[in-house]
């Protein structure tokens, strides 16, 4: 059978790629980047044959014209390449991807699958910094974490448990690592598409709806809107979540609703679903490698590893 050999979770920010010079003087930014390097080495030491990447979509591969809760890339997967993240074809473990889709269906989920999936930094940022050679085949599992209604946090845990069951039953004898990408606390200037909209809000909703064929045309103004936002980070939330991960028990977080998460930690904190799913798939206790609230990146930046139980 195949074996889960490692779990890694890391926040992402494309500003690391495009505006590092603005934070090079900050100890916090270096602390997070050093944590990424330690996680990269941890992952390399486990020598995975396949990496399952659980992450989000920021309306560059999936859009409001059709927004599945769960999407698995099973064949052609391409990086969008925004903000100097990996662009073009990514190696894919199609056999395991198909098994994961079948297993999720067997366990009562309704995943979408794609034979031609575009993923953005919700998937590729972690690959860029944790698997820099990009020579290990991946299975991208994209969870909707930005277009309500969002799945309950307990559903994310159940998805992770299902992934683990399928991997354990897989007869290919592969070493599988699980990466979670996203979080921790942060608030993006993103509107509720059904609410009252300002001019910037209307622009973003149009980009989210019509970007399938032309997302790059919206990118410059999208970037400007995000760059002008004020940081809203909750280190207390982040540190408590990391403490729960280290204890191997996220039950306190799992009692929160999506509204609770947004109120306390921002809409970007909805990405903790990827951490929850990874933790359930790997089992065991986590170990925080770095945490730093970086206002310049609008985000509480955390990186942790989980040893399989």
Protein backbone atom coordinates (compact mmCIF):
# COMPACT_ATOMS: atom_id res chain seq x y z
CA UNK A 1 0.00 0.00 0.00
CA UNK A 2 1.03 3.63 -0.31
CA UNK A 3 2.09 5.58 2.76
CA UNK A 4 1.67 9.15 3.94
CA UNK A 5 5.19 10.14 4.93
CA UNK A 6 4.92 13.86 5.73
CA UNK A 7 2.65 16.83 6.11
CA UNK A 8 3.60 20.47 5.59
CA UNK A 9 1.46 23.59 5.90
CA UNK A 10 2.50 27.07 4.85
CA UNK A 11 0.94 30.45 4.31
CA UNK A 12 1.45 32.05 0.91
CA UNK A 13 2.05 35.56 -0.37
CA UNK A 14 3.07 36.37 -3.91
CA UNK A 15 4.59 39.59 -2.58
CA UNK A 16 7.49 37.37 -1.49
CA UNK A 17 8.22 36.94 -5.18
CA UNK A 18 7.60 40.45 -6.44
CA UNK A 19 8.39 42.84 -3.57
CA UNK A 20 10.92 41.11 -1.35
CA UNK A 21 13.04 44.26 -1.29
CA UNK A 22 10.29 46.02 0.66
CA UNK A 23 10.57 43.52 3.54
CA UNK A 24 14.21 42.49 3.37
CA UNK A 25 14.89 44.59 6.46
CA UNK A 26 12.17 42.85 8.50
CA UNK A 27 13.12 40.05 10.86
CA UNK A 28 9.56 38.73 10.56
CA UNK A 29 9.84 38.17 6.81
CA UNK A 30 13.18 36.41 7.16
CA UNK A 31 11.79 34.25 9.98
CA UNK A 32 8.99 33.01 7.76
CA UNK A 33 11.25 32.44 4.77
CA UNK A 34 13.71 30.51 6.94
CA UNK A 35 10.80 28.40 8.13
CA UNK A 36 9.88 27.65 4.53
CA UNK A 37 13.45 26.52 3.89
CA UNK A 38 13.33 24.23 6.92
CA UNK A 39 10.02 22.77 5.71
CA UNK A 40 11.51 22.27 2.25
CA UNK A 41 14.39 20.29 3.79
CA UNK A 42 11.97 18.28 5.96
CA UNK A 43 10.01 17.35 2.85
CA UNK A 44 13.10 16.44 0.83
CA UNK A 45 14.32 14.14 3.61
CA UNK A 46 11.05 12.16 3.36
CA UNK A 47 11.65 11.52 -0.37
CA UNK A 48 8.01 11.58 -1.51
CA UNK A 49 7.06 9.94 -4.80
CA UNK A 50 3.93 12.12 -5.01
CA UNK A 51 2.77 15.32 -3.36
CA UNK A 52 -0.92 16.01 -2.76
CA UNK A 53 -1.36 19.79 -2.56
CA UNK A 54 -4.49 21.09 -0.85
CA UNK A 55 -5.04 24.76 -1.53
CA UNK A 56 -7.30 27.55 -2.69
CA UNK A 57 -8.18 29.29 -5.92
CA UNK A 58 -8.04 33.08 -6.20
CA UNK A 59 -10.27 33.35 -9.28
CA UNK A 60 -7.58 32.56 -11.82
CA UNK A 61 -8.50 28.93 -12.52
CA UNK A 62 -12.03 28.67 -11.16
CA UNK A 63 -14.60 31.43 -11.48
CA UNK A 64 -18.07 32.49 -10.44
CA UNK A 65 -19.54 31.05 -13.63
CA UNK A 66 -18.95 27.65 -11.99
CA UNK A 67 -17.45 27.24 -8.51
CA UNK A 68 -17.16 23.66 -7.21
CA UNK A 69 -16.49 23.06 -3.52
CA UNK A 70 -13.82 20.46 -4.32
CA UNK A 71 -11.85 20.18 -7.55
CA UNK A 72 -9.17 17.58 -8.26
CA UNK A 73 -6.78 17.97 -11.19
CA UNK A 74 -6.46 14.52 -12.74
CA UNK A 75 -4.62 15.08 -16.02
CA UNK A 76 -3.28 18.35 -17.45
CA UNK A 77 -2.53 20.91 -14.73
CA UNK A 78 -1.08 24.30 -15.56
CA UNK A 79 0.27 26.99 -13.28
CA UNK A 80 -1.25 30.41 -14.00
CA UNK A 81 2.13 32.04 -13.48
CA UNK A 82 0.89 35.21 -11.79
CA UNK A 83 3.44 37.22 -9.79
CA UNK A 84 6.40 35.06 -10.82
CA UNK A 85 4.85 31.81 -9.60
CA UNK A 86 5.32 28.64 -11.67
CA UNK A 87 3.69 28.88 -15.09
CA UNK A 88 2.74 26.19 -17.54
CA UNK A 89 2.48 22.40 -17.25
CA UNK A 90 3.03 20.75 -13.88
CA UNK A 91 3.74 17.02 -13.43
CA UNK A 92 0.64 15.12 -12.30
CA UNK A 93 0.14 11.72 -10.70
CA UNK A 94 -2.95 10.84 -12.72
CA UNK A 95 -3.36 7.36 -11.25
CA UNK A 96 -3.49 8.59 -7.67
CA UNK A 97 -5.60 11.60 -8.63
CA UNK A 98 -8.26 9.34 -10.17
CA UNK A 99 -8.18 7.11 -7.11
CA UNK A 100 -8.70 10.11 -4.85
CA UNK A 101 -11.70 11.28 -6.88
CA UNK A 102 -13.25 7.79 -6.75
CA UNK A 103 -12.53 7.52 -3.04
CA UNK A 104 -14.09 10.89 -2.26
CA UNK A 105 -17.22 9.84 -4.14
CA UNK A 106 -17.31 6.54 -2.24
CA UNK A 107 -17.12 8.49 1.02
CA UNK A 108 -20.10 10.68 0.16
CA UNK A 109 -18.41 13.74 -1.33
CA UNK A 110 -19.18 15.26 -4.72
CA UNK A 111 -15.81 16.34 -6.11
CA UNK A 112 -15.40 17.94 -9.48
CA UNK A 113 -12.50 16.70 -11.58
CA UNK A 114 -10.64 18.45 -14.33
CA UNK A 115 -8.58 17.12 -17.22
CA UNK A 116 -7.31 20.66 -17.84
CA UNK A 117 -7.02 22.62 -14.63
CA UNK A 118 -5.35 25.97 -14.12
CA UNK A 119 -4.05 26.53 -10.60
CA UNK A 120 -2.77 29.78 -9.16
CA UNK A 121 -0.56 30.57 -6.19
CA UNK A 122 -3.05 28.82 -3.91
CA UNK A 123 -1.29 25.69 -5.19
CA UNK A 124 1.89 26.85 -6.94
CA UNK A 125 3.37 29.11 -4.25
CA UNK A 126 3.87 26.11 -1.98
CA UNK A 127 5.37 24.07 -4.80
CA UNK A 128 7.72 26.91 -5.72
CA UNK A 129 9.12 27.21 -2.22
CA UNK A 130 8.75 23.67 -0.85
CA UNK A 131 9.38 21.54 -3.95
CA UNK A 132 11.52 23.95 -5.97
CA UNK A 133 12.75 21.41 -8.52
CA UNK A 134 9.12 20.62 -9.44
CA UNK A 135 10.26 17.10 -10.32
CA UNK A 136 7.75 15.26 -8.11
CA UNK A 137 4.29 14.56 -9.58
CA UNK A 138 1.45 16.28 -7.77
CA UNK A 139 -2.26 15.91 -7.18
CA UNK A 140 -3.89 19.33 -6.71
CA UNK A 141 -6.98 19.34 -4.49
CA UNK A 142 -8.55 22.80 -4.74
CA UNK A 143 -11.08 23.72 -2.07
CA UNK A 144 -13.39 26.70 -2.51
CA UNK A 145 -12.44 29.02 0.32
CA UNK A 146 -13.42 32.41 -1.09
CA UNK A 147 -16.85 32.18 -2.74
CA UNK A 148 -19.60 31.51 -0.16
CA UNK A 149 -21.27 29.23 0.65
CA UNK A 150 -18.16 27.54 2.04
CA UNK A 151 -17.99 24.00 3.38
CA UNK A 152 -17.97 23.67 7.18
CA UNK A 153 -14.57 23.21 8.78
CA UNK A 154 -15.63 19.73 9.88
CA UNK A 155 -16.19 18.87 6.21
CA UNK A 156 -12.58 19.81 5.47
CA UNK A 157 -11.46 17.43 8.20
CA UNK A 158 -13.58 14.66 6.68
CA UNK A 159 -12.03 15.29 3.28
CA UNK A 160 -8.58 14.81 4.80
CA UNK A 161 -9.68 11.57 6.43
CA UNK A 162 -11.01 10.36 3.09
CA UNK A 163 -7.75 11.21 1.33
CA UNK A 164 -5.83 9.22 3.94
CA UNK A 165 -8.11 6.21 3.55
CA UNK A 166 -7.60 6.16 -0.22
CA UNK A 167 -3.83 6.56 0.05
CA UNK A 168 -3.61 3.75 2.61
CA UNK A 169 -5.60 1.49 0.27
CA UNK A 170 -3.56 2.39 -2.81
CA UNK A 171 -1.54 -0.57 -4.08
CA UNK A 172 1.15 1.44 -5.86
CA UNK A 173 3.48 1.51 -2.83
CA UNK A 174 4.13 5.25 -3.11
CA UNK A 175 5.50 7.62 -0.51
CA UNK A 176 2.98 10.46 -0.39
CA UNK A 177 3.43 13.88 1.18
CA UNK A 178 0.53 16.24 1.88
CA UNK A 179 1.00 20.01 1.55
CA UNK A 180 -1.54 22.53 2.81
CA UNK A 181 -1.31 26.02 1.34
CA UNK A 182 -2.90 29.22 2.66
CA UNK A 183 -3.87 31.14 5.78
CA UNK A 184 -3.39 32.16 8.45
CA UNK A 185 -5.31 35.26 9.55
CA UNK A 186 -5.71 37.95 6.92
CA UNK A 187 -8.44 40.05 5.38
CA UNK A 188 -8.58 40.66 1.65
CA UNK A 189 -10.52 43.60 0.17
CA UNK A 190 -12.90 41.18 -1.55
CA UNK A 191 -16.62 41.88 -1.70
CA UNK A 192 -19.65 39.68 -1.27
CA UNK A 193 -20.74 39.36 -4.89
CA UNK A 194 -24.39 39.44 -3.77
CA UNK A 195 -24.01 42.55 -1.61
CA UNK A 196 -23.84 46.27 -2.20
CA UNK A 197 -20.84 46.99 -4.39
CA UNK A 198 -18.45 49.91 -4.73
CA UNK A 199 -16.65 50.62 -7.98
CA UNK A 200 -13.68 48.47 -6.96
CA UNK A 201 -16.06 45.76 -5.78
CA UNK A 202 -17.88 45.72 -9.11
CA UNK A 203 -14.56 45.42 -10.91
CA UNK A 204 -13.52 42.44 -8.79
CA UNK A 205 -16.83 40.64 -9.24
CA UNK A 206 -16.57 41.16 -13.00
CA UNK A 207 -13.04 39.73 -12.89
CA UNK A 208 -14.22 36.73 -10.90
CA UNK A 209 -17.09 36.08 -13.30
CA UNK A 210 -15.48 36.80 -16.67
CA UNK A 211 -11.87 35.89 -16.04
CA UNK A 212 -11.91 32.38 -17.45
CA UNK A 213 -10.62 33.52 -20.83
CA UNK A 214 -9.09 36.84 -19.82
CA UNK A 215 -8.01 36.84 -16.17
CA UNK A 216 -4.71 38.50 -17.05
CA UNK A 217 -6.56 41.57 -18.32
CA UNK A 218 -7.86 42.18 -14.79
CA UNK A 219 -4.59 41.46 -13.01
CA UNK A 220 -3.02 44.93 -12.76
CA UNK A 221 -6.00 46.59 -11.08
CA UNK A 222 -6.65 43.52 -8.93
CA UNK A 223 -3.11 43.79 -7.67
CA UNK A 224 -3.47 47.50 -6.97
CA UNK A 225 -6.63 46.94 -4.93
CA UNK A 226 -4.94 44.31 -2.79
CA UNK A 227 -1.75 46.33 -2.37
CA UNK A 228 -3.73 49.32 -1.09
CA UNK A 229 -5.54 47.29 1.58
CA UNK A 230 -4.83 47.76 5.27
CA UNK A 231 -3.44 44.78 7.16
CA UNK A 232 -5.86 43.05 9.53
CA UNK A 233 -4.02 40.21 11.28
CA UNK A 234 -4.97 38.39 14.47
CA UNK A 235 -1.80 36.84 15.96
CA UNK A 236 -3.75 35.46 18.93
CA UNK A 237 -5.97 33.43 16.60
CA UNK A 238 -2.98 32.23 14.61
CA UNK A 239 -0.93 31.22 17.64
CA UNK A 240 -3.87 29.38 19.18
CA UNK A 241 -4.48 27.51 15.92
CA UNK A 242 -0.80 26.53 15.71
CA UNK A 243 -0.89 25.35 19.33
CA UNK A 244 -3.85 23.13 18.51
CA UNK A 245 -2.00 21.73 15.50
CA UNK A 246 1.00 20.95 17.69
CA UNK A 247 -1.26 19.14 20.15
CA UNK A 248 -2.79 17.10 17.32
CA UNK A 249 -6.27 18.32 18.24
CA UNK A 250 -8.02 21.03 16.20
CA UNK A 251 -11.40 20.44 17.84
CA UNK A 252 -11.58 23.95 19.29
CA UNK A 253 -11.23 25.49 15.84
CA UNK A 254 -13.68 23.00 14.34
CA UNK A 255 -16.51 24.48 16.41
CA UNK A 256 -16.24 27.74 14.45
CA UNK A 257 -18.59 28.64 11.62
CA UNK A 258 -17.40 30.34 8.45
CA UNK A 259 -18.86 33.59 9.79
CA UNK A 260 -16.92 33.12 13.02
CA UNK A 261 -13.66 32.64 11.13
CA UNK A 262 -14.18 35.74 9.00
CA UNK A 263 -15.19 37.88 11.96
CA UNK A 264 -12.25 36.86 14.13
CA UNK A 265 -9.48 36.27 11.61
CA UNK A 266 -10.59 37.66 8.23
CA UNK A 267 -11.87 36.18 5.00
CA UNK A 268 -8.37 34.98 4.10
CA UNK A 269 -8.33 32.79 7.21
CA UNK A 270 -10.92 30.58 5.50
CA UNK A 271 -7.85 28.93 3.98
CA UNK A 272 -7.27 27.10 7.27
CA UNK A 273 -9.46 24.44 5.66
CA UNK A 274 -6.37 23.26 3.80
CA UNK A 275 -4.46 22.93 7.09
CA UNK A 276 -7.38 21.07 8.68
CA UNK A 277 -7.63 18.63 5.76
CA UNK A 278 -3.86 18.05 5.74
CA UNK A 279 -3.76 17.43 9.50
CA UNK A 280 -6.56 14.88 9.21
CA UNK A 281 -4.84 13.14 6.30
CA UNK A 282 -1.48 12.92 8.05
CA UNK A 283 -2.49 12.41 11.68
CA UNK A 284 -0.06 13.00 14.50
CA UNK A 285 1.18 16.19 16.07
CA UNK A 286 2.44 19.27 14.34
CA UNK A 287 5.55 21.33 14.87
CA UNK A 288 5.62 25.06 14.14
CA UNK A 289 8.73 26.09 12.22
CA UNK A 290 7.89 29.78 12.00
CA UNK A 291 5.17 32.30 12.64
CA UNK A 292 5.30 35.99 11.84
CA UNK A 293 2.57 38.57 11.34
CA UNK A 294 3.81 40.47 8.27
CA UNK A 295 1.73 43.59 7.73
CA UNK A 296 3.37 44.26 4.39
CA UNK A 297 1.93 40.94 3.17
CA UNK A 298 -1.41 41.52 4.98
CA UNK A 299 -1.06 38.07 6.52
CA UNK A 300 -0.19 36.06 9.59
CA UNK A 301 2.49 33.90 7.97
CA UNK A 302 2.88 30.42 9.44
CA UNK A 303 4.70 27.27 8.45
CA UNK A 304 4.46 23.93 10.23
CA UNK A 305 5.18 20.27 9.66
CA UNK A 306 3.29 17.21 10.82
CA UNK A 307 4.87 13.81 11.41
CA UNK A 308 2.52 10.94 10.60
CA UNK A 309 1.10 9.21 13.64
